[in-house]
């Protein structure tokens, strides 16, 4: 078995909670405070003692280092007695973890319910051990890891009951609160890292999309010099309508050749569209939303380089006006050949 230290005991309790959550059991639901401590004790020490069932009870208990580290002799004796009782009930030696946990829970419950000096000693030892292993934080972390909201509520209720009924157990609430703060801080840090990673991936994706656009132009230009091509250089779209500056008017699809400075935004929009299938672009009036969409994104989709297959997509542009659904149904009807009223109803 080896020496059972703090981390091993914490792991046993976490395993117990995960197992009960996955099995849909609710051992902590509605139980009195006096029943919580026996369950924790059985979950913490039962598996280790069951694994050492070929040893004497004294040797098995001696292997639980956390008991000796806090001087919990009364609790050690109780566990040794529980092992002997379990072996008496199962003389064949076929002693499972569940059998031993049940015997430890029963022995602990009987000891704590007795109005004698031993009950006080056992409770004091349990308090020392539970403080040493950060029991409050351990059970809360396990409940969060299990992603079981009902179990989380049961943990909070059980810890509140124990802390209220037994004064020496008041530290459990403080430990749980501290664990909750640590978990929240850790998740916030992870969220920041994930957002940073997502932004980095987004930038790299946009870089690749822009590079693919440039490569498509280079390849087109190179094909003009292949044998049989006539040796003519690729003819790029040229502006022949005077000054390309449109003042306050937005740029449209016909102005794509002179729409500069928004390549990265266009690539980012194309990436979002490829991932989700739906993108909503918002911004202040006059910020350039229409130009970005009409002269940036739509031509990029028509080229089909950044989003594979987008060159065959049907594209419509509407101004919603006071009846946006009517306007949309009319434009969709133009594409499908259906009656606008039919499109509106569907």
Protein backbone atom coordinates (compact mmCIF):
# COMPACT_ATOMS: atom_id res chain seq x y z
CA UNK A 1 0.00 0.00 0.00
CA UNK A 2 2.77 2.45 0.85
CA UNK A 3 2.45 5.44 3.12
CA UNK A 4 -0.94 7.11 2.63
CA UNK A 5 -0.25 10.85 2.77
CA UNK A 6 -2.37 13.96 2.27
CA UNK A 7 -2.54 13.83 -1.52
CA UNK A 8 -3.52 10.18 -1.54
CA UNK A 9 -6.32 10.76 0.98
CA UNK A 10 -7.57 13.74 -1.07
CA UNK A 11 -7.56 11.55 -4.17
CA UNK A 12 -9.65 8.88 -2.41
CA UNK A 13 -12.30 11.43 -1.43
CA UNK A 14 -12.38 12.89 -4.94
CA UNK A 15 -12.73 9.41 -6.45
CA UNK A 16 -15.66 8.67 -4.15
CA UNK A 17 -17.49 11.85 -5.15
CA UNK A 18 -16.81 11.35 -8.86
CA UNK A 19 -18.04 7.76 -8.62
CA UNK A 20 -21.24 8.71 -6.82
CA UNK A 21 -21.89 11.54 -9.30
CA UNK A 22 -21.36 9.32 -12.36
CA UNK A 23 -23.62 6.64 -10.86
CA UNK A 24 -26.36 9.17 -10.10
CA UNK A 25 -26.24 8.44 -6.37
CA UNK A 26 -26.86 11.21 -3.87
CA UNK A 27 -25.36 9.99 -0.61
CA UNK A 28 -25.13 13.51 0.80
CA UNK A 29 -28.67 14.58 -0.05
CA UNK A 30 -30.65 15.49 3.04
CA UNK A 31 -28.48 13.59 5.53
CA UNK A 32 -27.83 14.98 9.04
CA UNK A 33 -24.46 16.47 9.98
CA UNK A 34 -23.61 13.43 12.09
CA UNK A 35 -23.77 11.23 8.98
CA UNK A 36 -21.45 13.39 6.85
CA UNK A 37 -18.30 12.72 8.88
CA UNK A 38 -18.63 8.90 8.73
CA UNK A 39 -19.03 9.09 4.95
CA UNK A 40 -15.93 11.26 4.58
CA UNK A 41 -13.95 8.98 6.87
CA UNK A 42 -14.97 5.86 4.95
CA UNK A 43 -14.22 7.46 1.57
CA UNK A 44 -10.79 8.68 2.72
CA UNK A 45 -9.48 5.49 4.33
CA UNK A 46 -11.62 2.58 3.14
CA UNK A 47 -9.92 1.94 -0.23
CA UNK A 48 -6.40 2.01 1.25
CA UNK A 49 -7.28 -0.35 4.07
CA UNK A 50 -9.06 -2.69 1.65
CA UNK A 51 -5.95 -2.83 -0.53
CA UNK A 52 -3.94 -3.85 2.55
CA UNK A 53 -6.39 -6.54 3.63
CA UNK A 54 -3.64 -9.18 3.68
CA UNK A 55 -1.91 -7.34 6.52
CA UNK A 56 -2.88 -7.11 10.16
CA UNK A 57 -5.19 -4.26 11.04
CA UNK A 58 -2.42 -2.55 13.04
CA UNK A 59 -0.02 -2.66 10.10
CA UNK A 60 -2.68 -1.45 7.68
CA UNK A 61 -3.57 1.53 9.85
CA UNK A 62 0.11 2.30 10.45
CA UNK A 63 0.47 2.78 6.72
CA UNK A 64 -1.84 5.80 6.82
CA UNK A 65 0.79 8.47 7.34
CA UNK A 66 -1.62 11.35 7.69
CA UNK A 67 -2.93 9.83 10.95
CA UNK A 68 0.48 9.72 12.59
CA UNK A 69 1.41 13.17 11.25
CA UNK A 70 -1.38 14.78 13.31
CA UNK A 71 -1.34 12.29 16.17
CA UNK A 72 -4.84 10.93 15.49
CA UNK A 73 -4.46 7.80 17.64
CA UNK A 74 -8.15 7.50 18.58
CA UNK A 75 -9.17 7.58 14.92
CA UNK A 76 -6.45 5.05 14.12
CA UNK A 77 -7.82 2.66 16.72
CA UNK A 78 -11.32 3.08 15.33
CA UNK A 79 -10.14 2.23 11.83
CA UNK A 80 -8.26 -0.82 13.11
CA UNK A 81 -11.39 -2.05 14.90
CA UNK A 82 -13.44 -1.48 11.72
CA UNK A 83 -11.00 -3.64 9.73
CA UNK A 84 -11.29 -6.45 12.29
CA UNK A 85 -15.09 -6.26 12.29
CA UNK A 86 -15.19 -6.36 8.49
CA UNK A 87 -12.94 -9.43 8.41
CA UNK A 88 -15.12 -11.11 10.99
CA UNK A 89 -18.17 -10.53 8.80
CA UNK A 90 -16.24 -11.79 5.75
CA UNK A 91 -14.08 -14.65 7.12
CA UNK A 92 -13.37 -15.95 3.63
CA UNK A 93 -11.14 -12.96 3.03
CA UNK A 94 -13.23 -11.74 0.11
CA UNK A 95 -13.34 -8.18 1.43
CA UNK A 96 -14.23 -5.48 -1.08
CA UNK A 97 -13.65 -1.76 -0.78
CA UNK A 98 -17.39 -1.22 -0.49
CA UNK A 99 -17.62 -3.69 2.39
CA UNK A 100 -14.83 -1.99 4.30
CA UNK A 101 -16.12 1.51 3.61
CA UNK A 102 -19.53 0.51 4.91
CA UNK A 103 -17.96 -0.91 8.10
CA UNK A 104 -15.80 2.20 8.64
CA UNK A 105 -18.83 4.47 8.19
CA UNK A 106 -20.86 2.41 10.65
CA UNK A 107 -18.05 2.27 13.22
CA UNK A 108 -17.44 6.02 12.95
CA UNK A 109 -21.16 6.75 13.28
CA UNK A 110 -21.43 4.60 16.42
CA UNK A 111 -18.33 6.16 17.96
CA UNK A 112 -19.48 9.73 17.36
CA UNK A 113 -23.00 9.09 18.64
CA UNK A 114 -21.77 7.71 21.96
CA UNK A 115 -21.85 10.30 24.73
CA UNK A 116 -18.43 9.44 26.14
CA UNK A 117 -14.85 10.66 26.13
CA UNK A 118 -13.93 8.50 23.15
CA UNK A 119 -16.52 10.26 20.99
CA UNK A 120 -14.85 13.58 21.73
CA UNK A 121 -11.41 12.16 20.95
CA UNK A 122 -12.53 10.66 17.64
CA UNK A 123 -14.25 13.89 16.62
CA UNK A 124 -11.14 15.87 17.56
CA UNK A 125 -8.95 13.49 15.54
CA UNK A 126 -11.30 13.75 12.58
CA UNK A 127 -11.13 17.53 12.78
CA UNK A 128 -7.32 17.44 12.73
CA UNK A 129 -7.23 15.04 9.77
CA UNK A 130 -9.88 16.91 7.79
CA UNK A 131 -8.02 20.18 8.34
CA UNK A 132 -4.73 18.56 7.32
CA UNK A 133 -6.16 17.22 4.04
CA UNK A 134 -8.13 20.40 3.25
CA UNK A 135 -11.37 18.39 3.21
CA UNK A 136 -13.61 21.38 2.51
CA UNK A 137 -11.59 22.40 -0.52
CA UNK A 138 -11.17 18.80 -1.67
CA UNK A 139 -14.89 17.99 -1.80
CA UNK A 140 -15.70 21.31 -3.51
CA UNK A 141 -13.01 20.86 -6.18
CA UNK A 142 -14.26 17.33 -6.84
CA UNK A 143 -17.84 18.58 -7.21
CA UNK A 144 -16.74 21.28 -9.67
CA UNK A 145 -14.67 18.76 -11.66
CA UNK A 146 -17.67 16.43 -11.80
CA UNK A 147 -19.70 19.28 -13.36
CA UNK A 148 -22.68 18.18 -11.28
CA UNK A 149 -24.69 21.17 -10.07
CA UNK A 150 -26.81 19.06 -7.75
CA UNK A 151 -23.72 17.53 -6.15
CA UNK A 152 -22.26 21.00 -5.67
CA UNK A 153 -25.39 22.09 -3.82
CA UNK A 154 -25.29 18.95 -1.65
CA UNK A 155 -21.65 19.62 -0.77
CA UNK A 156 -22.42 23.18 0.31
CA UNK A 157 -25.40 22.05 2.39
CA UNK A 158 -23.46 19.21 4.03
CA UNK A 159 -20.45 21.37 4.91
CA UNK A 160 -22.75 24.05 6.34
CA UNK A 161 -24.52 21.45 8.50
CA UNK A 162 -21.27 19.97 9.85
CA UNK A 163 -19.73 23.38 10.54
CA UNK A 164 -22.85 24.52 12.35
CA UNK A 165 -23.31 21.42 14.51
CA UNK A 166 -19.68 20.77 15.39
CA UNK A 167 -17.70 23.82 16.48
CA UNK A 168 -14.32 22.20 15.80
CA UNK A 169 -15.35 21.69 12.16
CA UNK A 170 -15.91 25.38 11.44
CA UNK A 171 -12.73 25.52 9.35
CA UNK A 172 -14.45 23.45 6.62
CA UNK A 173 -16.46 26.44 5.42
CA UNK A 174 -13.36 28.64 5.32
CA UNK A 175 -11.44 25.96 3.38
CA UNK A 176 -14.30 25.61 0.91
CA UNK A 177 -14.52 29.36 0.41
CA UNK A 178 -10.77 29.57 -0.16
CA UNK A 179 -10.95 26.74 -2.72
CA UNK A 180 -13.79 28.49 -4.55
CA UNK A 181 -11.72 31.67 -4.77
CA UNK A 182 -8.71 29.75 -6.09
CA UNK A 183 -10.80 27.91 -8.69
CA UNK A 184 -12.39 31.14 -9.91
CA UNK A 185 -8.98 32.80 -10.21
CA UNK A 186 -7.60 29.78 -12.07
CA UNK A 187 -10.54 29.69 -14.49
CA UNK A 188 -10.23 33.43 -15.12
CA UNK A 189 -6.55 32.98 -15.92
CA UNK A 190 -7.34 30.08 -18.23
CA UNK A 191 -10.04 32.17 -19.91
CA UNK A 192 -7.51 34.94 -20.52
CA UNK A 193 -5.04 32.45 -21.98
CA UNK A 194 -7.72 30.91 -24.20
CA UNK A 195 -8.82 34.31 -25.47
CA UNK A 196 -5.21 35.23 -26.21
CA UNK A 197 -4.70 31.92 -28.02
CA UNK A 198 -7.92 32.40 -29.96
CA UNK A 199 -6.87 35.90 -31.01
CA UNK A 200 -3.45 34.58 -32.06
CA UNK A 201 -5.05 31.84 -34.13
CA UNK A 202 -7.39 34.41 -35.68
CA UNK A 203 -4.47 36.63 -36.67
CA UNK A 204 -2.54 33.72 -38.13
CA UNK A 205 -5.62 32.53 -40.02
CA UNK A 206 -6.06 36.01 -41.50
CA UNK A 207 -2.37 36.05 -42.47
CA UNK A 208 -2.76 32.76 -44.31
CA UNK A 209 -5.92 33.90 -46.11
CA UNK A 210 -4.24 37.09 -47.30
CA UNK A 211 -1.20 35.10 -48.42
CA UNK A 212 -3.45 32.76 -50.40
CA UNK A 213 -5.00 35.75 -52.17
CA UNK A 214 -1.52 37.00 -53.11
CA UNK A 215 -0.47 33.53 -54.25
CA UNK A 216 -3.57 33.28 -56.46
CA UNK A 217 -2.58 36.55 -58.16
CA UNK A 218 1.04 35.41 -58.56
CA UNK A 219 -0.06 32.07 -60.02
CA UNK A 220 -2.42 33.84 -62.43
CA UNK A 221 0.40 36.14 -63.51
CA UNK A 222 2.80 33.23 -63.92
CA UNK A 223 0.37 31.30 -66.12
CA UNK A 224 0.42 34.12 -68.66
CA UNK A 225 4.05 33.29 -69.46
CA UNK A 226 3.58 29.56 -69.99
CA UNK A 227 4.14 28.24 -73.56
CA UNK A 228 1.07 28.80 -75.65
CA UNK A 229 -0.23 31.62 -73.48
CA UNK A 230 0.88 34.34 -75.87
CA UNK A 231 3.42 35.73 -73.42
CA UNK A 232 1.08 38.37 -72.14
CA UNK A 233 1.23 39.52 -68.56
CA UNK A 234 -1.86 38.97 -66.43
CA UNK A 235 -4.29 41.75 -66.86
CA UNK A 236 -5.29 43.08 -63.45
CA UNK A 237 -8.46 45.13 -63.03
CA UNK A 238 -7.72 48.74 -63.81
CA UNK A 239 -9.57 51.84 -62.70
CA UNK A 240 -10.66 54.06 -65.56
CA UNK A 241 -13.29 56.21 -63.90
CA UNK A 242 -11.21 59.11 -62.63
CA UNK A 243 -10.54 59.73 -58.94
CA UNK A 244 -11.30 56.60 -56.91
CA UNK A 245 -12.14 58.57 -53.77
CA UNK A 246 -15.89 58.45 -53.16
CA UNK A 247 -16.11 60.91 -50.30
CA UNK A 248 -18.93 59.94 -47.97
CA UNK A 249 -20.36 57.37 -50.38
CA UNK A 250 -19.69 53.71 -49.63
CA UNK A 251 -17.58 51.53 -51.89
CA UNK A 252 -19.44 48.78 -53.74
CA UNK A 253 -18.52 45.59 -55.55
CA UNK A 254 -17.63 47.54 -58.69
CA UNK A 255 -15.04 49.48 -56.64
CA UNK A 256 -13.17 46.41 -55.34
CA UNK A 257 -10.09 47.20 -57.46
CA UNK A 258 -9.47 50.45 -55.56
CA UNK A 259 -10.63 49.35 -52.12
CA UNK A 260 -7.42 49.23 -50.08
CA UNK A 261 -6.42 49.02 -46.42
CA UNK A 262 -9.02 46.51 -45.27
CA UNK A 263 -7.41 43.25 -46.40
CA UNK A 264 -6.95 41.93 -42.86
CA UNK A 265 -10.50 42.78 -41.79
CA UNK A 266 -11.78 41.11 -44.95
CA UNK A 267 -9.75 37.98 -44.20
CA UNK A 268 -10.96 37.92 -40.59
CA UNK A 269 -14.58 38.18 -41.73
CA UNK A 270 -14.04 35.39 -44.25
CA UNK A 271 -12.56 33.22 -41.52
CA UNK A 272 -15.49 33.83 -39.18
CA UNK A 273 -17.93 33.07 -41.96
CA UNK A 274 -16.14 29.84 -42.82
CA UNK A 275 -16.29 28.71 -39.17
CA UNK A 276 -19.81 29.69 -38.19
CA UNK A 277 -21.74 30.25 -41.42
CA UNK A 278 -23.23 33.46 -40.04
CA UNK A 279 -21.48 36.74 -39.23
CA UNK A 280 -23.04 39.98 -38.00
CA UNK A 281 -20.97 43.10 -38.62
CA UNK A 282 -21.76 46.06 -36.38
CA UNK A 283 -20.24 49.49 -35.91
CA UNK A 284 -20.90 53.19 -35.73
CA UNK A 285 -22.60 54.95 -38.62
CA UNK A 286 -20.01 55.96 -41.23
CA UNK A 287 -17.35 53.55 -39.94
CA UNK A 288 -17.18 51.76 -43.30
CA UNK A 289 -19.30 48.65 -42.72
CA UNK A 290 -20.96 48.73 -46.13
CA UNK A 291 -17.67 49.29 -47.94
CA UNK A 292 -16.01 46.44 -46.05
CA UNK A 293 -18.80 44.06 -46.98
CA UNK A 294 -19.50 45.16 -50.56
CA UNK A 295 -15.99 45.99 -51.78
CA UNK A 296 -14.07 43.67 -49.46
CA UNK A 297 -15.88 40.53 -48.33
CA UNK A 298 -18.27 39.91 -51.23
CA UNK A 299 -15.54 40.10 -53.93
CA UNK A 300 -13.30 37.88 -51.79
CA UNK A 301 -16.07 35.29 -51.56
CA UNK A 302 -16.66 35.56 -55.30
CA UNK A 303 -13.00 34.73 -55.91
CA UNK A 304 -13.39 31.60 -53.76
CA UNK A 305 -9.80 31.60 -52.51
CA UNK A 306 -10.22 32.32 -48.83
CA UNK A 307 -13.38 30.24 -48.33
CA UNK A 308 -13.34 27.16 -50.58
CA UNK A 309 -16.54 26.85 -52.59
CA UNK A 310 -17.71 30.39 -51.93
CA UNK A 311 -17.29 31.37 -55.57
CA UNK A 312 -20.49 29.42 -56.34
CA UNK A 313 -22.51 30.96 -53.51
CA UNK A 314 -25.54 33.03 -54.42
CA UNK A 315 -25.16 36.60 -53.21
CA UNK A 316 -27.83 39.23 -52.63
CA UNK A 317 -27.63 42.69 -51.14
CA UNK A 318 -30.61 44.44 -49.60
CA UNK A 319 -31.41 47.63 -47.75
CA UNK A 320 -33.89 46.54 -45.04
CA UNK A 321 -35.92 49.77 -44.95
CA UNK A 322 -39.12 49.84 -42.91
CA UNK A 323 -40.15 46.31 -43.98
CA UNK A 324 -36.99 44.20 -43.82
CA UNK A 325 -38.71 40.79 -44.06
CA UNK A 326 -40.71 41.86 -47.10
CA UNK A 327 -37.55 43.16 -48.75
CA UNK A 328 -35.66 39.97 -47.95
CA UNK A 329 -38.46 37.70 -49.23
CA UNK A 330 -38.60 39.67 -52.48
CA UNK A 331 -34.89 39.29 -53.13
CA UNK A 332 -34.94 35.60 -52.21
CA UNK A 333 -37.86 35.13 -54.57
CA UNK A 334 -35.76 36.61 -57.40
CA UNK A 335 -33.13 33.93 -56.78
CA UNK A 336 -35.51 31.01 -56.36
CA UNK A 337 -38.20 31.99 -58.86
CA UNK A 338 -40.89 31.62 -56.19
CA UNK A 339 -43.66 34.01 -55.32
CA UNK A 340 -42.49 36.62 -52.75
CA UNK A 341 -45.48 35.88 -50.53
CA UNK A 342 -44.52 32.19 -50.44
CA UNK A 343 -40.96 33.10 -49.43
CA UNK A 344 -42.29 35.43 -46.72
CA UNK A 345 -44.53 32.74 -45.22
CA UNK A 346 -41.64 30.29 -45.07
